[in-house]
N, C-alpha and C. Protein backbone atom coordinates (compact mmCIF):
# COMPACT_ATOMS: atom_id res chain seq x y z
N MET A 1 0.82 -1.20 0.00
CA MET A 1 0.00 0.00 0.00
C MET A 1 0.87 1.26 0.00
N ARG A 2 1.98 1.20 0.75
CA ARG A 2 2.86 2.37 0.82
C ARG A 2 3.48 2.66 -0.55
N ARG A 3 3.81 1.60 -1.30
CA ARG A 3 4.38 1.80 -2.63
C ARG A 3 3.39 2.43 -3.58
N ILE A 4 2.14 2.04 -3.46
CA ILE A 4 1.11 2.64 -4.31
C ILE A 4 0.98 4.12 -4.00
N ARG A 5 1.01 4.47 -2.70
CA ARG A 5 0.95 5.88 -2.32
C ARG A 5 2.14 6.66 -2.84
N ALA A 6 3.28 6.01 -2.91
CA ALA A 6 4.51 6.68 -3.38
C ALA A 6 4.42 7.05 -4.84
N ILE A 7 3.71 6.26 -5.64
CA ILE A 7 3.64 6.53 -7.07
C ILE A 7 2.42 7.38 -7.43
N LEU A 8 1.50 7.59 -6.48
CA LEU A 8 0.32 8.39 -6.75
C LEU A 8 0.61 9.80 -7.26
N PRO A 9 1.61 10.52 -6.71
CA PRO A 9 1.88 11.86 -7.26
C PRO A 9 2.24 11.83 -8.75
N ALA A 10 2.98 10.84 -9.18
CA ALA A 10 3.34 10.73 -10.59
C ALA A 10 2.09 10.43 -11.42
N ILE A 11 1.21 9.59 -10.91
CA ILE A 11 -0.04 9.30 -11.61
C ILE A 11 -0.90 10.55 -11.72
N ALA A 12 -0.92 11.36 -10.66
CA ALA A 12 -1.68 12.60 -10.69
C ALA A 12 -1.13 13.54 -11.76
N VAL A 13 0.19 13.58 -11.91
CA VAL A 13 0.78 14.42 -12.96
C VAL A 13 0.40 13.89 -14.33
N MET A 14 0.36 12.54 -14.47
CA MET A 14 -0.04 11.95 -15.73
C MET A 14 -1.48 12.32 -16.08
N VAL A 15 -2.35 12.32 -15.10
CA VAL A 15 -3.75 12.68 -15.33
C VAL A 15 -3.85 14.15 -15.75
N SER A 16 -3.10 15.01 -15.08
CA SER A 16 -3.14 16.43 -15.44
C SER A 16 -2.54 16.64 -16.82
N LEU A 17 -1.54 15.83 -17.20
CA LEU A 17 -0.96 15.92 -18.53
C LEU A 17 -2.02 15.60 -19.58
N ALA A 18 -2.81 14.57 -19.34
CA ALA A 18 -3.85 14.19 -20.29
C ALA A 18 -4.88 15.29 -20.40
N ALA A 19 -5.21 15.95 -19.30
CA ALA A 19 -6.22 17.01 -19.32
C ALA A 19 -5.70 18.27 -19.97
N SER A 20 -4.38 18.50 -19.94
CA SER A 20 -3.84 19.75 -20.48
C SER A 20 -3.79 19.77 -21.98
N GLY A 21 -3.85 18.62 -22.62
CA GLY A 21 -3.87 18.59 -24.07
C GLY A 21 -2.48 18.63 -24.67
N PRO A 22 -2.40 18.51 -26.00
CA PRO A 22 -1.12 18.39 -26.66
C PRO A 22 -0.26 19.65 -26.62
N ALA A 23 -0.82 20.82 -26.44
CA ALA A 23 -0.04 22.05 -26.47
C ALA A 23 1.05 22.07 -25.40
N HIS A 24 0.79 21.45 -24.25
CA HIS A 24 1.76 21.45 -23.16
C HIS A 24 2.40 20.09 -22.95
N ALA A 25 2.19 19.16 -23.88
CA ALA A 25 2.63 17.79 -23.69
C ALA A 25 4.14 17.66 -23.54
N ASP A 26 4.94 18.39 -24.34
CA ASP A 26 6.39 18.22 -24.26
C ASP A 26 6.94 18.63 -22.91
N VAL A 27 6.59 19.81 -22.42
CA VAL A 27 7.10 20.27 -21.14
C VAL A 27 6.57 19.38 -20.03
N SER A 28 5.30 19.12 -20.00
CA SER A 28 4.71 18.30 -18.95
C SER A 28 5.21 16.86 -19.01
N ALA A 29 5.40 16.33 -20.21
CA ALA A 29 5.89 14.97 -20.34
C ALA A 29 7.28 14.84 -19.71
N SER A 30 8.12 15.83 -19.91
CA SER A 30 9.46 15.80 -19.31
C SER A 30 9.37 15.83 -17.78
N ASP A 31 8.44 16.62 -17.25
CA ASP A 31 8.25 16.68 -15.81
C ASP A 31 7.80 15.32 -15.26
N VAL A 32 6.90 14.67 -15.96
CA VAL A 32 6.38 13.37 -15.52
C VAL A 32 7.51 12.34 -15.55
N LYS A 33 8.29 12.35 -16.62
CA LYS A 33 9.40 11.40 -16.74
C LYS A 33 10.42 11.63 -15.64
N ALA A 34 10.71 12.90 -15.37
CA ALA A 34 11.66 13.23 -14.29
C ALA A 34 11.13 12.75 -12.95
N ALA A 35 9.83 12.82 -12.74
CA ALA A 35 9.22 12.34 -11.49
C ALA A 35 9.29 10.81 -11.40
N PHE A 36 9.12 10.14 -12.53
CA PHE A 36 9.14 8.68 -12.54
C PHE A 36 10.52 8.10 -12.30
N LEU A 37 11.55 8.67 -12.90
CA LEU A 37 12.88 8.06 -12.86
C LEU A 37 13.36 7.66 -11.47
N PRO A 38 13.37 8.55 -10.49
CA PRO A 38 13.84 8.10 -9.17
C PRO A 38 12.87 7.13 -8.49
N ARG A 39 11.60 7.18 -8.84
CA ARG A 39 10.62 6.27 -8.24
C ARG A 39 10.78 4.84 -8.75
N PHE A 40 11.29 4.68 -9.96
CA PHE A 40 11.50 3.32 -10.47
C PHE A 40 12.35 2.50 -9.51
N ALA A 41 13.28 3.14 -8.83
CA ALA A 41 14.21 2.43 -7.95
C ALA A 41 13.48 1.65 -6.85
N ARG A 42 12.34 2.13 -6.42
CA ARG A 42 11.59 1.45 -5.37
C ARG A 42 10.99 0.13 -5.83
N TYR A 43 10.92 -0.07 -7.13
CA TYR A 43 10.24 -1.24 -7.68
C TYR A 43 11.20 -2.19 -8.38
N VAL A 44 12.49 -2.01 -8.13
CA VAL A 44 13.50 -2.87 -8.74
C VAL A 44 14.44 -3.37 -7.63
N THR A 45 14.81 -4.64 -7.74
CA THR A 45 15.77 -5.21 -6.81
C THR A 45 17.04 -5.51 -7.58
N TRP A 46 18.16 -4.98 -7.08
CA TRP A 46 19.47 -5.18 -7.69
C TRP A 46 20.20 -6.29 -6.95
N PRO A 47 21.13 -6.95 -7.64
CA PRO A 47 21.97 -7.91 -6.91
C PRO A 47 22.80 -7.14 -5.89
N PRO A 48 23.10 -7.73 -4.75
CA PRO A 48 23.86 -7.02 -3.71
C PRO A 48 25.16 -6.39 -4.22
N SER A 49 25.84 -7.06 -5.14
CA SER A 49 27.12 -6.55 -5.65
C SER A 49 26.95 -5.26 -6.46
N ALA A 50 25.73 -4.96 -6.92
CA ALA A 50 25.49 -3.78 -7.74
C ALA A 50 25.06 -2.56 -6.92
N LEU A 51 24.86 -2.77 -5.63
CA LEU A 51 24.41 -1.66 -4.78
C LEU A 51 25.60 -0.93 -4.17
N PRO A 52 25.40 0.35 -3.90
CA PRO A 52 26.50 1.10 -3.28
C PRO A 52 26.82 0.55 -1.89
N GLY A 53 28.07 0.73 -1.49
CA GLY A 53 28.50 0.23 -0.19
C GLY A 53 28.25 1.23 0.92
N GLY A 54 28.17 0.74 2.14
CA GLY A 54 28.03 1.60 3.31
C GLY A 54 26.88 2.59 3.20
N ALA A 55 27.18 3.84 3.44
CA ALA A 55 26.17 4.89 3.37
C ALA A 55 26.21 5.64 2.04
N ASP A 56 26.90 5.06 1.05
CA ASP A 56 26.99 5.73 -0.25
C ASP A 56 25.59 5.88 -0.87
N PRO A 57 25.39 6.93 -1.66
CA PRO A 57 24.08 7.16 -2.25
C PRO A 57 23.78 6.22 -3.41
N PHE A 58 22.52 6.10 -3.70
CA PHE A 58 22.02 5.42 -4.87
C PHE A 58 22.24 6.36 -6.05
N VAL A 59 22.73 5.87 -7.18
CA VAL A 59 23.13 6.75 -8.28
C VAL A 59 22.23 6.59 -9.50
N LEU A 60 21.62 7.70 -9.89
CA LEU A 60 20.80 7.79 -11.10
C LEU A 60 21.57 8.66 -12.09
N CYS A 61 21.92 8.10 -13.24
CA CYS A 61 22.74 8.84 -14.21
C CYS A 61 21.92 9.21 -15.44
N VAL A 62 22.23 10.35 -15.99
CA VAL A 62 21.72 10.77 -17.29
C VAL A 62 22.92 10.64 -18.23
N VAL A 63 22.82 9.71 -19.19
CA VAL A 63 23.91 9.46 -20.12
C VAL A 63 23.57 10.13 -21.44
N GLY A 64 24.35 11.16 -21.77
CA GLY A 64 24.09 11.92 -22.98
C GLY A 64 23.41 13.23 -22.64
N ASP A 65 22.64 13.72 -23.60
CA ASP A 65 21.95 15.01 -23.42
C ASP A 65 20.90 14.91 -22.31
N ASP A 66 20.80 15.97 -21.53
CA ASP A 66 19.88 15.99 -20.38
C ASP A 66 18.61 16.78 -20.72
N PRO A 67 17.47 16.08 -20.88
CA PRO A 67 16.22 16.79 -21.18
C PRO A 67 15.48 17.30 -19.95
N PHE A 68 16.00 17.00 -18.74
CA PHE A 68 15.25 17.27 -17.52
C PHE A 68 15.70 18.50 -16.75
N GLY A 69 16.97 18.78 -16.74
CA GLY A 69 17.49 19.90 -15.97
C GLY A 69 17.22 19.72 -14.48
N ASN A 70 16.84 20.80 -13.83
CA ASN A 70 16.63 20.79 -12.38
C ASN A 70 15.44 19.92 -11.93
N GLU A 71 14.51 19.63 -12.84
CA GLU A 71 13.34 18.83 -12.46
C GLU A 71 13.75 17.44 -11.93
N LEU A 72 14.73 16.83 -12.57
CA LEU A 72 15.17 15.52 -12.12
C LEU A 72 15.87 15.61 -10.76
N ASP A 73 16.69 16.63 -10.59
CA ASP A 73 17.36 16.82 -9.29
C ASP A 73 16.34 17.01 -8.18
N SER A 74 15.32 17.81 -8.45
CA SER A 74 14.27 18.05 -7.45
C SER A 74 13.52 16.77 -7.12
N ALA A 75 13.18 15.99 -8.14
CA ALA A 75 12.46 14.72 -7.93
C ALA A 75 13.33 13.74 -7.14
N ALA A 76 14.61 13.68 -7.45
CA ALA A 76 15.50 12.74 -6.76
C ALA A 76 15.69 13.12 -5.29
N ARG A 77 15.70 14.42 -4.99
CA ARG A 77 15.88 14.86 -3.60
C ARG A 77 14.73 14.39 -2.70
N THR A 78 13.56 14.15 -3.26
CA THR A 78 12.41 13.76 -2.46
C THR A 78 12.29 12.25 -2.27
N GLN A 79 13.20 11.50 -2.89
CA GLN A 79 13.12 10.04 -2.85
C GLN A 79 14.34 9.44 -2.16
N SER A 80 14.17 8.22 -1.67
CA SER A 80 15.31 7.45 -1.15
C SER A 80 15.06 5.99 -1.46
N VAL A 81 16.13 5.21 -1.42
CA VAL A 81 16.04 3.77 -1.69
C VAL A 81 16.69 3.05 -0.51
N ASP A 82 15.90 2.32 0.23
CA ASP A 82 16.40 1.59 1.40
C ASP A 82 17.22 2.50 2.31
N GLY A 83 16.72 3.71 2.55
CA GLY A 83 17.36 4.66 3.42
C GLY A 83 18.52 5.43 2.80
N ARG A 84 18.82 5.16 1.54
CA ARG A 84 19.90 5.87 0.85
C ARG A 84 19.32 7.03 0.05
N ARG A 85 20.00 8.15 0.09
CA ARG A 85 19.57 9.27 -0.75
C ARG A 85 19.91 8.94 -2.20
N ILE A 86 19.23 9.59 -3.12
CA ILE A 86 19.46 9.39 -4.55
C ILE A 86 20.20 10.62 -5.08
N VAL A 87 21.30 10.39 -5.77
CA VAL A 87 22.02 11.50 -6.40
C VAL A 87 21.94 11.33 -7.91
N VAL A 88 21.93 12.44 -8.60
CA VAL A 88 21.88 12.45 -10.07
C VAL A 88 23.26 12.84 -10.59
N ARG A 89 23.76 12.04 -11.52
CA ARG A 89 25.02 12.35 -12.19
C ARG A 89 24.76 12.45 -13.68
N ARG A 90 25.41 13.38 -14.31
CA ARG A 90 25.28 13.56 -15.76
C ARG A 90 26.60 13.17 -16.41
N LEU A 91 26.49 12.23 -17.37
CA LEU A 91 27.67 11.67 -18.03
C LEU A 91 27.58 11.89 -19.53
N GLY A 92 28.71 12.20 -20.15
CA GLY A 92 28.73 12.40 -21.59
C GLY A 92 28.64 11.08 -22.36
N SER A 93 29.10 9.99 -21.73
CA SER A 93 29.05 8.69 -22.39
C SER A 93 28.81 7.62 -21.32
N ALA A 94 28.52 6.41 -21.80
CA ALA A 94 28.21 5.30 -20.89
C ALA A 94 29.46 4.62 -20.37
N ASP A 95 30.64 5.09 -20.75
CA ASP A 95 31.89 4.44 -20.35
C ASP A 95 32.01 4.32 -18.84
N SER A 96 31.54 5.32 -18.09
CA SER A 96 31.65 5.26 -16.62
C SER A 96 30.27 5.05 -15.96
N ALA A 97 29.29 4.62 -16.73
CA ALA A 97 27.94 4.44 -16.20
C ALA A 97 27.74 3.09 -15.50
N GLY A 98 28.75 2.24 -15.49
CA GLY A 98 28.63 0.95 -14.82
C GLY A 98 28.45 1.09 -13.31
N SER A 99 28.79 2.25 -12.76
CA SER A 99 28.62 2.49 -11.32
C SER A 99 27.25 3.09 -11.00
N CYS A 100 26.42 3.27 -12.01
CA CYS A 100 25.07 3.82 -11.82
C CYS A 100 24.12 2.65 -11.57
N GLN A 101 23.10 2.89 -10.75
CA GLN A 101 22.06 1.87 -10.59
C GLN A 101 20.98 2.06 -11.68
N ILE A 102 20.69 3.31 -12.02
CA ILE A 102 19.74 3.62 -13.10
C ILE A 102 20.47 4.53 -14.08
N ALA A 103 20.33 4.25 -15.37
CA ALA A 103 20.92 5.10 -16.40
C ALA A 103 19.85 5.48 -17.42
N TYR A 104 19.48 6.77 -17.42
CA TYR A 104 18.61 7.30 -18.48
C TYR A 104 19.53 7.59 -19.66
N VAL A 105 19.34 6.87 -20.75
CA VAL A 105 20.23 6.96 -21.91
C VAL A 105 19.54 7.77 -23.01
N SER A 106 20.09 8.95 -23.29
CA SER A 106 19.47 9.81 -24.30
C SER A 106 20.36 10.02 -25.51
N GLY A 107 21.60 9.62 -25.44
CA GLY A 107 22.50 9.80 -26.56
C GLY A 107 23.01 11.23 -26.64
N SER A 108 24.07 11.40 -27.40
CA SER A 108 24.67 12.71 -27.59
C SER A 108 25.49 12.69 -28.87
N ARG A 109 26.11 13.82 -29.18
CA ARG A 109 26.98 13.86 -30.36
C ARG A 109 28.15 12.91 -30.23
N SER A 110 28.64 12.75 -29.00
CA SER A 110 29.82 11.91 -28.81
C SER A 110 29.51 10.42 -28.70
N GLN A 111 28.26 10.07 -28.34
CA GLN A 111 27.92 8.66 -28.21
C GLN A 111 26.44 8.45 -28.48
N ALA A 112 26.13 7.65 -29.50
CA ALA A 112 24.74 7.36 -29.87
C ALA A 112 24.11 6.46 -28.82
N ILE A 113 22.78 6.45 -28.79
CA ILE A 113 22.04 5.63 -27.83
C ILE A 113 22.40 4.16 -27.96
N ALA A 114 22.46 3.65 -29.19
CA ALA A 114 22.78 2.24 -29.40
C ALA A 114 24.15 1.90 -28.83
N GLN A 115 25.11 2.79 -29.02
CA GLN A 115 26.46 2.57 -28.50
C GLN A 115 26.46 2.57 -26.96
N SER A 116 25.71 3.50 -26.38
CA SER A 116 25.61 3.57 -24.91
C SER A 116 24.97 2.30 -24.35
N LEU A 117 23.86 1.86 -24.97
CA LEU A 117 23.19 0.65 -24.50
C LEU A 117 24.10 -0.57 -24.64
N ALA A 118 24.86 -0.64 -25.73
CA ALA A 118 25.78 -1.75 -25.93
C ALA A 118 26.86 -1.76 -24.84
N SER A 119 27.31 -0.58 -24.48
CA SER A 119 28.34 -0.47 -23.44
C SER A 119 27.82 -0.96 -22.08
N LEU A 120 26.50 -0.83 -21.86
CA LEU A 120 25.90 -1.23 -20.57
C LEU A 120 25.30 -2.64 -20.60
N ARG A 121 25.31 -3.27 -21.76
CA ARG A 121 24.71 -4.60 -21.91
C ARG A 121 25.31 -5.58 -20.90
N GLY A 122 24.43 -6.30 -20.21
CA GLY A 122 24.86 -7.32 -19.26
C GLY A 122 25.20 -6.79 -17.87
N LYS A 123 25.31 -5.50 -17.71
CA LYS A 123 25.65 -4.92 -16.41
C LYS A 123 24.36 -4.73 -15.61
N PRO A 124 24.42 -4.81 -14.30
CA PRO A 124 23.22 -4.66 -13.46
C PRO A 124 22.79 -3.21 -13.32
N VAL A 125 22.49 -2.59 -14.46
CA VAL A 125 22.06 -1.19 -14.52
C VAL A 125 20.69 -1.15 -15.17
N LEU A 126 19.74 -0.50 -14.51
CA LEU A 126 18.41 -0.32 -15.08
C LEU A 126 18.50 0.77 -16.13
N THR A 127 18.44 0.40 -17.42
CA THR A 127 18.54 1.38 -18.49
C THR A 127 17.14 1.88 -18.85
N VAL A 128 17.03 3.18 -19.05
CA VAL A 128 15.76 3.81 -19.39
C VAL A 128 15.99 4.65 -20.64
N THR A 129 15.11 4.50 -21.62
CA THR A 129 15.19 5.25 -22.86
C THR A 129 13.86 5.94 -23.13
N ASP A 130 13.81 6.70 -24.21
CA ASP A 130 12.64 7.51 -24.52
C ASP A 130 12.34 7.43 -26.01
N ALA A 131 11.08 7.20 -26.36
CA ALA A 131 10.66 7.10 -27.76
C ALA A 131 10.97 8.38 -28.53
N ARG A 132 10.98 9.52 -27.85
CA ARG A 132 11.26 10.77 -28.57
C ARG A 132 12.69 10.84 -29.07
N ASN A 133 13.56 9.93 -28.56
CA ASN A 133 14.95 9.87 -29.00
C ASN A 133 15.20 8.76 -30.02
N GLY A 134 14.15 8.09 -30.47
CA GLY A 134 14.32 7.02 -31.46
C GLY A 134 13.83 5.69 -30.94
N GLY A 135 14.10 4.65 -31.71
CA GLY A 135 13.56 3.33 -31.43
C GLY A 135 14.40 2.45 -30.54
N GLN A 136 15.64 2.86 -30.24
CA GLN A 136 16.48 2.04 -29.36
C GLN A 136 15.85 1.98 -27.98
N ARG A 137 15.74 0.77 -27.42
CA ARG A 137 15.06 0.62 -26.14
C ARG A 137 15.96 0.07 -25.05
N GLY A 138 15.81 0.66 -23.87
CA GLY A 138 16.42 0.14 -22.67
C GLY A 138 15.45 -0.82 -22.00
N ILE A 139 15.72 -1.15 -20.76
CA ILE A 139 14.81 -2.03 -20.03
C ILE A 139 13.45 -1.36 -19.88
N ILE A 140 13.44 -0.07 -19.56
CA ILE A 140 12.21 0.71 -19.52
C ILE A 140 12.29 1.73 -20.66
N HIS A 141 11.23 1.85 -21.41
CA HIS A 141 11.21 2.74 -22.58
C HIS A 141 9.96 3.62 -22.51
N PHE A 142 10.19 4.92 -22.28
CA PHE A 142 9.10 5.89 -22.20
C PHE A 142 8.48 6.15 -23.57
N THR A 143 7.20 6.40 -23.58
CA THR A 143 6.51 6.87 -24.77
C THR A 143 5.33 7.74 -24.30
N VAL A 144 4.76 8.50 -25.22
CA VAL A 144 3.56 9.28 -24.90
C VAL A 144 2.44 8.74 -25.78
N VAL A 145 1.36 8.30 -25.15
CA VAL A 145 0.21 7.75 -25.85
C VAL A 145 -1.02 8.55 -25.45
N ASN A 146 -1.68 9.13 -26.43
CA ASN A 146 -2.87 9.95 -26.18
C ASN A 146 -2.61 11.00 -25.10
N GLY A 147 -1.45 11.64 -25.17
CA GLY A 147 -1.13 12.72 -24.23
C GLY A 147 -0.68 12.25 -22.85
N ARG A 148 -0.50 10.96 -22.68
CA ARG A 148 -0.08 10.41 -21.37
C ARG A 148 1.29 9.76 -21.47
N VAL A 149 2.10 9.96 -20.47
CA VAL A 149 3.40 9.28 -20.42
C VAL A 149 3.16 7.84 -20.00
N ARG A 150 3.65 6.94 -20.81
CA ARG A 150 3.53 5.50 -20.54
C ARG A 150 4.91 4.88 -20.76
N PHE A 151 5.03 3.59 -20.52
CA PHE A 151 6.31 2.94 -20.74
C PHE A 151 6.14 1.47 -21.02
N PHE A 152 7.13 0.93 -21.73
CA PHE A 152 7.28 -0.48 -22.01
C PHE A 152 8.36 -1.00 -21.08
N ILE A 153 8.30 -2.30 -20.74
CA ILE A 153 9.34 -2.90 -19.91
C ILE A 153 9.83 -4.19 -20.58
N ASP A 154 11.15 -4.32 -20.65
CA ASP A 154 11.78 -5.54 -21.14
C ASP A 154 12.24 -6.32 -19.91
N ASP A 155 11.35 -7.13 -19.36
CA ASP A 155 11.65 -7.87 -18.15
C ASP A 155 12.71 -8.96 -18.41
N ALA A 156 12.75 -9.47 -19.63
CA ALA A 156 13.74 -10.49 -19.96
C ALA A 156 15.15 -9.90 -19.87
N ASP A 157 15.35 -8.69 -20.39
CA ASP A 157 16.66 -8.04 -20.31
C ASP A 157 17.01 -7.75 -18.85
N ALA A 158 16.03 -7.29 -18.07
CA ALA A 158 16.26 -7.02 -16.67
C ALA A 158 16.75 -8.29 -15.96
N GLU A 159 16.08 -9.38 -16.22
CA GLU A 159 16.45 -10.65 -15.59
C GLU A 159 17.85 -11.10 -15.98
N ARG A 160 18.22 -10.91 -17.26
CA ARG A 160 19.57 -11.27 -17.70
C ARG A 160 20.64 -10.47 -16.95
N ARG A 161 20.27 -9.28 -16.50
CA ARG A 161 21.23 -8.42 -15.79
C ARG A 161 21.18 -8.64 -14.27
N GLY A 162 20.31 -9.52 -13.82
CA GLY A 162 20.20 -9.80 -12.39
C GLY A 162 19.25 -8.86 -11.67
N LEU A 163 18.44 -8.11 -12.42
CA LEU A 163 17.48 -7.19 -11.84
C LEU A 163 16.12 -7.84 -11.75
N LYS A 164 15.39 -7.58 -10.69
CA LYS A 164 14.04 -8.10 -10.53
C LYS A 164 13.09 -6.91 -10.44
N ILE A 165 12.15 -6.84 -11.37
CA ILE A 165 11.18 -5.74 -11.40
C ILE A 165 9.90 -6.19 -10.71
N SER A 166 9.40 -5.36 -9.81
CA SER A 166 8.21 -5.67 -9.05
C SER A 166 7.00 -5.82 -9.97
N SER A 167 6.11 -6.71 -9.59
CA SER A 167 4.87 -6.91 -10.36
C SER A 167 4.03 -5.64 -10.37
N ARG A 168 4.18 -4.79 -9.36
CA ARG A 168 3.42 -3.54 -9.31
C ARG A 168 3.85 -2.60 -10.43
N LEU A 169 5.14 -2.53 -10.71
CA LEU A 169 5.62 -1.71 -11.82
C LEU A 169 5.28 -2.36 -13.16
N LEU A 170 5.43 -3.67 -13.24
CA LEU A 170 5.08 -4.37 -14.48
C LEU A 170 3.62 -4.15 -14.84
N ALA A 171 2.75 -4.05 -13.85
CA ALA A 171 1.32 -3.87 -14.09
C ALA A 171 1.01 -2.49 -14.69
N LEU A 172 1.90 -1.52 -14.50
CA LEU A 172 1.68 -0.18 -15.05
C LEU A 172 2.16 -0.02 -16.48
N ALA A 173 2.93 -0.98 -16.97
CA ALA A 173 3.52 -0.90 -18.31
C ALA A 173 2.48 -1.15 -19.40
N ILE A 174 2.71 -0.54 -20.57
CA ILE A 174 1.86 -0.80 -21.74
C ILE A 174 2.00 -2.26 -22.14
N SER A 175 3.25 -2.71 -22.17
CA SER A 175 3.51 -4.14 -22.43
C SER A 175 4.80 -4.54 -21.75
N VAL A 176 4.92 -5.83 -21.50
CA VAL A 176 6.09 -6.38 -20.82
C VAL A 176 6.64 -7.49 -21.70
N LYS A 177 7.93 -7.37 -22.04
CA LYS A 177 8.59 -8.43 -22.80
C LYS A 177 9.13 -9.44 -21.80
N GLN A 178 8.63 -10.67 -21.92
CA GLN A 178 9.05 -11.72 -20.98
C GLN A 178 10.23 -12.48 -21.51
């Protein structure tokens, strides 16, 4: 029940996004995605070896261009994972993203999305991509359907990386690849 309450603010933003219509969809969609990213951590279990040690923070990385700005930092400050604060790091490429627990991969001039995803393949990193950046998909792939932010989940890829996604998050996805 507590997890459902934790995701309710993001759902409320999604509802307001649908009501606001397409004119505000881009700005509002980015806000919704920024709100979702740190919350995903509550619904994923990482192998112990992939978690930060001691009191180190949980790391959410933006790999490539950053579409969120301060919105993601603000959303991350309000969340924690097993008592750990969440910090946001911005990286130009995926070369050092192996130390991230979540990597939003958007691509950049120096490294395409496909190259970034290939660099992270097999590592216990929850990769997140966005349909507005093309067809390359991470474990979670954002899209906008009828003015609402939605997502696909590749549970098979998550499992290959040693990640376990909660059935509660899987139930919110448009589709789940098993």
